C-alpha atoms as a PDB file:
ATOM      1  CA  MET A   1      99.131 181.492  38.215  1.00  0.00           C
ATOM      2  CA  THR A   2      99.440 178.606  35.379  1.00  0.00           C
ATOM      3  CA  PRO A   3      96.209 176.783  34.946  1.00  0.00           C
ATOM      4  CA  PRO A   4      96.081 172.830  36.288  1.00  0.00           C
ATOM      5  CA  ILE A   5      97.457 170.442  33.938  1.00  0.00           C
ATOM      6  CA  GLU A   6      95.356 167.427  33.198  1.00  0.00           C
ATOM      7  CA  TYR A   7      96.362 163.741  33.431  1.00  0.00           C
ATOM      8  CA  ASP A   8      96.766 162.169  30.026  1.00  0.00           C
ATOM      9  CA  PRO A   9      97.109 158.469  29.897  1.00  0.00           C
ATOM     10  CA  ASP A  10      97.532 158.888  26.095  1.00  0.00           C
ATOM     11  CA  ALA A  11      99.942 161.355  26.101  1.00  0.00           C
ATOM     12  CA  VAL A  12     103.540 160.104  24.205  1.00  0.00           C
ATOM     13  CA  HIS A  13     106.558 162.091  23.669  1.00  0.00           C
ATOM     14  CA  PRO A  14     108.126 160.570  20.703  1.00  0.00           C
ATOM     15  CA  ALA A  15     111.628 162.262  20.778  1.00  0.00           C
ATOM     16  CA  LEU A  16     114.298 160.504  22.884  1.00  0.00           C
ATOM     17  CA  LEU A  17     115.015 162.357  25.918  1.00  0.00           C
ATOM     18  CA  THR A  18     118.551 163.039  27.651  1.00  0.00           C
ATOM     19  CA  PHE A  19     118.217 162.897  31.216  1.00  0.00           C
ATOM     20  CA  ARG A  20     121.100 162.637  34.009  1.00  0.00           C
ATOM     21  CA  TRP A  21     122.019 159.592  35.276  1.00  0.00           C
ATOM     22  CA  ILE A  22     123.237 158.210  38.383  1.00  0.00           C
ATOM     23  CA  VAL A  23     124.280 154.703  39.064  1.00  0.00           C
ATOM     24  CA  ARG A  24     124.391 153.470  42.789  1.00  0.00           C
ATOM     25  CA  ARG A  25     126.532 150.446  43.586  1.00  0.00           C
ATOM     26  CA  ASN A  26     126.202 148.275  46.521  1.00  0.00           C
ATOM     27  CA  GLY A  27     128.754 145.393  46.226  1.00  0.00           C
ATOM     28  CA  ASP A  28     127.425 143.567  43.046  1.00  0.00           C
ATOM     29  CA  ASP A  29     124.297 145.104  42.897  1.00  0.00           C
ATOM     30  CA  ALA A  30     123.625 148.539  41.213  1.00  0.00           C
ATOM     31  CA  SER A  31     120.516 150.814  40.447  1.00  0.00           C
ATOM     32  CA  TYR A  32     120.354 153.269  37.916  1.00  0.00           C
ATOM     33  CA  GLU A  33     118.545 156.506  38.277  1.00  0.00           C
ATOM     34  CA  ALA A  34     117.519 159.078  35.614  1.00  0.00           C
ATOM     35  CA  SER A  35     116.445 162.651  36.495  1.00  0.00           C
ATOM     36  CA  GLY A  36     115.038 165.208  34.371  1.00  0.00           C
ATOM     37  CA  THR A  37     111.958 167.177  33.005  1.00  0.00           C
ATOM     38  CA  CYS A  38     108.955 165.749  31.596  1.00  0.00           C
ATOM     39  CA  PRO A  39     108.562 167.535  28.126  1.00  0.00           C
ATOM     40  CA  VAL A  40     104.492 167.015  28.551  1.00  0.00           C
ATOM     41  CA  CYS A  41     103.914 168.642  31.608  1.00  0.00           C
ATOM     42  CA  THR A  42     107.129 170.359  32.430  1.00  0.00           C
ATOM     43  CA  CYS A  43     107.489 168.842  35.598  1.00  0.00           C
ATOM     44  CA  PRO A  44     110.995 167.574  37.405  1.00  0.00           C
ATOM     45  CA  MET A  45     110.939 163.528  37.613  1.00  0.00           C
ATOM     46  CA  THR A  46     113.304 160.857  38.645  1.00  0.00           C
ATOM     47  CA  ARG A  47     112.909 157.382  37.719  1.00  0.00           C
ATOM     48  CA  ARG A  48     114.912 154.516  38.816  1.00  0.00           C
ATOM     49  CA  TRP A  49     115.479 151.255  38.027  1.00  0.00           C
ATOM     50  CA  THR A  50     117.075 147.877  39.240  1.00  0.00           C
ATOM     51  CA  PHE A  51     118.327 144.958  36.991  1.00  0.00           C
ATOM     52  CA  GLY A  52     117.840 141.290  37.366  1.00  0.00           C
ATOM     53  CA  GLN A  53     115.214 139.589  38.893  1.00  0.00           C
ATOM     54  CA  PRO A  54     114.837 136.779  41.514  1.00  0.00           C
ATOM     55  CA  PRO A  55     113.467 133.406  40.218  1.00  0.00           C
ATOM     56  CA  VAL A  56     109.566 133.222  40.538  1.00  0.00           C
ATOM     57  CA  ALA A  57     107.547 130.002  41.084  1.00  0.00           C
ATOM     58  CA  LYS A  58     106.081 129.772  37.463  1.00  0.00           C
ATOM     59  CA  GLY A  59     109.090 131.418  35.739  1.00  0.00           C
ATOM     60  CA  GLY A  60     108.831 134.511  33.417  1.00  0.00           C
ATOM     61  CA  PHE A  61     110.796 137.680  33.593  1.00  0.00           C
ATOM     62  CA  PHE A  62     108.022 140.279  33.724  1.00  0.00           C
ATOM     63  CA  GLY A  63     109.703 142.470  31.530  1.00  0.00           C
ATOM     64  CA  ARG A  64     112.505 143.724  33.347  1.00  0.00           C
ATOM     65  CA  ARG A  65     115.817 143.870  31.998  1.00  0.00           C
ATOM     66  CA  GLU A  66     118.411 141.395  33.208  1.00  0.00           C
ATOM     67  CA  GLU A  67     121.202 144.177  32.767  1.00  0.00           C
ATOM     68  CA  PRO A  68     121.484 147.865  31.377  1.00  0.00           C
ATOM     69  CA  GLY A  69     122.066 148.014  27.581  1.00  0.00           C
ATOM     70  CA  PRO A  70     121.913 150.513  24.741  1.00  0.00           C
ATOM     71  CA  GLU A  71     118.122 150.384  23.967  1.00  0.00           C
ATOM     72  CA  PRO A  72     116.162 153.499  25.159  1.00  0.00           C
ATOM     73  CA  TYR A  73     114.455 153.304  28.528  1.00  0.00           C
ATOM     74  CA  TYR A  74     110.612 153.737  28.423  1.00  0.00           C
ATOM     75  CA  THR A  75     108.571 154.987  31.240  1.00  0.00           C
ATOM     76  CA  VAL A  76     105.447 156.817  32.236  1.00  0.00           C
ATOM     77  CA  CYS A  77     105.936 160.484  33.612  1.00  0.00           C
ATOM     78  CA  GLN A  78     107.137 159.892  37.381  1.00  0.00           C
ATOM     79  CA  CYS A  79     106.661 163.609  38.565  1.00  0.00           C
ATOM     80  CA  ARG A  80     105.272 164.535  42.009  1.00  0.00           C
ATOM     81  CA  THR A  81     103.060 167.078  40.763  1.00  0.00           C
ATOM     82  CA  LEU A  82      99.176 166.703  41.314  1.00  0.00           C
ATOM     83  CA  HIS A  83      97.516 166.579  37.959  1.00  0.00           C
ATOM     84  CA  MET A  84      93.946 166.858  37.598  1.00  0.00           C
ATOM     85  CA  ASN A  85      91.878 163.743  37.200  1.00  0.00           C
ATOM     86  CA  ARG A  86      94.714 161.304  37.821  1.00  0.00           C
ATOM     87  CA  PRO A  87      93.168 158.099  38.797  1.00  0.00           C
ATOM     88  CA  PRO A  88      94.018 157.098  42.322  1.00  0.00           C
ATOM     89  CA  SER A  89      95.645 153.879  41.079  1.00  0.00           C
ATOM     90  CA  GLU A  90      98.588 156.110  39.671  1.00  0.00           C
ATOM     91  CA  PRO A  91     100.071 157.881  42.421  1.00  0.00           C
ATOM     92  CA  LEU A  92     102.768 159.809  40.188  1.00  0.00           C
ATOM     93  CA  GLY A  93     102.967 161.494  37.104  1.00  0.00           C
ATOM     94  CA  CYS A  94     100.877 163.243  34.074  1.00  0.00           C
ATOM     95  CA  GLY A  95     100.300 159.974  32.071  1.00  0.00           C
ATOM     96  CA  ALA A  96     102.811 160.638  29.477  1.00  0.00           C
ATOM     97  CA  LEU A  97     104.882 157.775  27.868  1.00  0.00           C
ATOM     98  CA  LEU A  98     108.622 158.688  27.393  1.00  0.00           C
ATOM     99  CA  ALA A  99     111.535 157.426  25.918  1.00  0.00           C
ATOM    100  CA  ILE A 100     115.005 158.303  27.878  1.00  0.00           C
ATOM    101  CA  ALA A 101     118.524 157.625  26.248  1.00  0.00           C
ATOM    102  CA  PRO A 102     120.391 154.755  27.954  1.00  0.00           C
ATOM    103  CA  PRO A 103     123.072 155.652  30.809  1.00  0.00           C
ATOM    104  CA  PRO A 104     126.421 156.663  29.279  1.00  0.00           C
ATOM    105  CA  ALA A 105     128.736 153.432  29.015  1.00  0.00           C
ATOM    106  CA  PRO A 106     131.025 152.407  31.902  1.00  0.00           C
ATOM    107  CA  GLY A 107     134.270 154.755  31.863  1.00  0.00           C
ATOM    108  CA  SER A 108     132.296 157.644  29.924  1.00  0.00           C
ATOM    109  CA  SER A 109     132.478 161.245  31.589  1.00  0.00           C
ATOM    110  CA  ALA A 110     128.847 161.984  30.873  1.00  0.00           C
ATOM    111  CA  GLY A 111     127.041 160.200  33.814  1.00  0.00           C
ATOM    112  CA  ALA A 112     127.819 160.355  37.714  1.00  0.00           C
ATOM    113  CA  THR A 113     128.862 156.904  39.292  1.00  0.00           C
ATOM    114  CA  PRO A 114     128.993 157.751  43.367  1.00  0.00           C
END
């Protein structure tokens, strides 16, 4: 039996990770889903992104991308494993900050587009 894995909000995995990307299209809207394994806790995880944002009363963009691009995607681990001492405000993950390589360019055979 493996010992429980502690939640660590200070964990960072500096290397760029390659996850499997799926692009789901619904008319003009698209969502991007990256699936892979968190290298810190070794648990499988999936993270979804949508792009654009409706206007808000006071303006601002809240740090979301308007459209996909070639820059890495940053996220905290989103695994569903229960990690010891994870705060109630964090429903998922081990706390590790991860950098994920962007989805493949349209027309590339490296990703799936249903």
